[in-house]
Protein backbone atom coordinates (compact mmCIF):
# COMPACT_ATOMS: atom_id res chain seq x y z
CA MET A 1 17.25 -20.98 -36.92
CA GLU A 2 19.14 -18.75 -34.60
CA PRO A 3 17.50 -15.65 -33.23
CA ARG A 4 19.14 -12.51 -34.56
CA VAL A 5 20.29 -9.89 -32.07
CA ILE A 6 19.72 -6.30 -33.10
CA ASP A 7 21.58 -3.76 -31.30
CA TYR A 8 19.80 -0.41 -30.84
CA ASP A 9 21.48 2.88 -29.58
CA VAL A 10 19.21 3.55 -26.67
CA GLY A 11 21.34 6.63 -25.46
CA PRO A 12 19.05 9.40 -27.00
CA ALA A 13 15.84 7.55 -25.63
CA SER A 14 17.33 7.18 -22.24
CA ASP A 15 18.58 10.80 -22.06
CA HIS A 16 15.07 12.14 -23.12
CA LEU A 17 13.28 9.87 -20.66
CA GLU A 18 15.55 10.97 -17.74
CA ALA A 19 15.11 14.67 -18.42
CA PRO A 20 13.02 16.42 -15.69
CA ASN A 21 10.49 17.85 -18.24
CA CYS A 22 10.06 14.52 -20.25
CA LEU A 23 6.33 14.60 -19.50
CA ASP A 24 4.96 18.01 -18.22
CA CYS A 25 1.45 16.76 -18.13
CA THR A 26 -0.60 13.92 -16.40
CA LEU A 27 -2.08 10.93 -18.29
CA ASN A 28 -5.52 11.38 -16.79
CA ARG A 29 -7.35 8.98 -19.08
CA LEU A 30 -4.97 6.11 -18.83
CA GLN A 31 -6.56 3.32 -16.88
CA THR A 32 -4.97 0.07 -18.20
CA VAL A 33 -1.59 -0.58 -19.70
CA GLU A 34 -0.29 -3.75 -21.18
CA LEU A 35 3.40 -4.07 -22.01
CA THR A 36 4.80 -7.15 -23.65
CA SER A 37 8.18 -8.69 -24.54
CA LEU A 38 10.06 -6.48 -21.99
CA ASP A 39 13.62 -7.27 -21.26
CA GLY A 40 14.26 -4.68 -18.29
CA SER A 41 16.32 -2.43 -20.41
CA ARG A 42 17.07 1.20 -18.97
CA PRO A 43 14.47 2.98 -21.51
CA GLU A 44 11.79 0.32 -20.73
CA LEU A 45 12.29 1.00 -16.97
CA LEU A 46 12.27 4.72 -17.30
CA PHE A 47 8.98 4.59 -19.49
CA ILE A 48 7.29 2.40 -16.83
CA LYS A 49 8.46 4.75 -14.07
CA ILE A 50 6.94 7.81 -16.18
CA LEU A 51 3.75 6.01 -16.70
CA LEU A 52 3.24 5.15 -13.10
CA ALA A 53 4.38 8.75 -11.92
CA HIS A 54 2.02 10.50 -14.18
CA SER A 55 -1.03 8.36 -14.47
CA PRO A 56 -3.41 9.38 -11.55
CA PHE A 57 -6.25 7.08 -12.65
CA LEU A 58 -4.20 3.98 -13.64
CA GLU A 59 -5.75 0.92 -12.22
CA LYS A 60 -3.73 -2.02 -14.07
CA LEU A 61 -0.24 -2.15 -15.58
CA ALA A 62 0.30 -5.72 -16.88
CA ILE A 63 3.84 -6.53 -17.79
CA THR A 64 5.08 -9.62 -19.81
CA PRO A 65 8.59 -10.08 -20.12
CA THR A 66 10.34 -11.61 -22.96
CA GLY A 67 10.83 -15.48 -22.97
CA THR A 68 14.52 -15.11 -23.68
CA SER A 69 15.36 -13.26 -20.35
CA ASP A 70 16.45 -15.17 -17.47
CA VAL A 71 14.77 -15.70 -14.15
CA GLN A 72 17.17 -13.25 -12.32
CA LYS A 73 16.84 -10.44 -14.80
CA ARG A 74 13.03 -10.77 -14.58
CA PHE A 75 13.06 -10.62 -10.84
CA ASP A 76 15.45 -7.58 -10.78
CA MET A 77 12.99 -5.82 -13.12
CA SER A 78 9.99 -6.70 -10.83
CA LYS A 79 11.85 -5.45 -7.80
CA ASP A 80 12.83 -2.06 -9.67
CA VAL A 81 9.05 -1.49 -10.87
CA MET A 82 7.73 -2.13 -7.38
CA ARG A 83 9.78 0.79 -5.91
CA PHE A 84 8.65 3.24 -8.46
CA PRO A 85 6.29 5.95 -6.97
CA ARG A 86 2.99 5.93 -8.26
CA ALA A 87 0.29 8.76 -8.97
CA SER A 88 -2.64 6.33 -8.44
CA PRO A 89 -3.26 4.58 -5.15
CA LYS A 90 -5.09 2.03 -7.20
CA ALA A 91 -2.63 1.05 -9.64
CA GLU A 92 -1.91 -2.68 -9.54
CA VAL A 93 1.27 -4.10 -11.25
CA ILE A 94 0.81 -7.56 -12.56
CA TYR A 95 3.57 -9.77 -13.97
CA LEU A 96 2.54 -12.28 -16.37
CA ASN A 97 4.33 -15.41 -17.55
CA PRO A 98 7.11 -14.72 -20.21
CA GLU A 99 6.16 -15.07 -23.63
CA PRO A 100 7.92 -17.99 -25.38
CA TYR A 101 10.36 -17.13 -28.14
CA ASP A 102 9.46 -18.51 -31.40
CA PHE A 103 12.78 -19.48 -33.04
CA ASN A 104 10.96 -20.07 -36.32
CA MET A 105 9.73 -16.59 -36.56
CA GLU A 106 11.51 -14.44 -39.04
CA CYS A 107 13.17 -11.16 -37.65
CA TRP A 108 12.18 -8.11 -39.42
């Protein structure tokens, strides 16, 4: 079974995440975040940038890329995330091994 590619229009999400007042508050209670199945899209990177910039008590951000992304794309994503400013001096970004893609899994 071939994986089905779903093409989403991410324009509105990207526009919202890039707006200066996207998040006018801090995320004071956020300490640990786990993000899975990331492919390094622009909205995903903007979301991570916002999390890091507005979470003064963040201790751990664990990122697991999708198993279908290639090594270079994962490396580029990690370089981008490492450059993002952080509100928390303790924020640790951890990259985990990609999740293997299950070709037998049905798409929604």
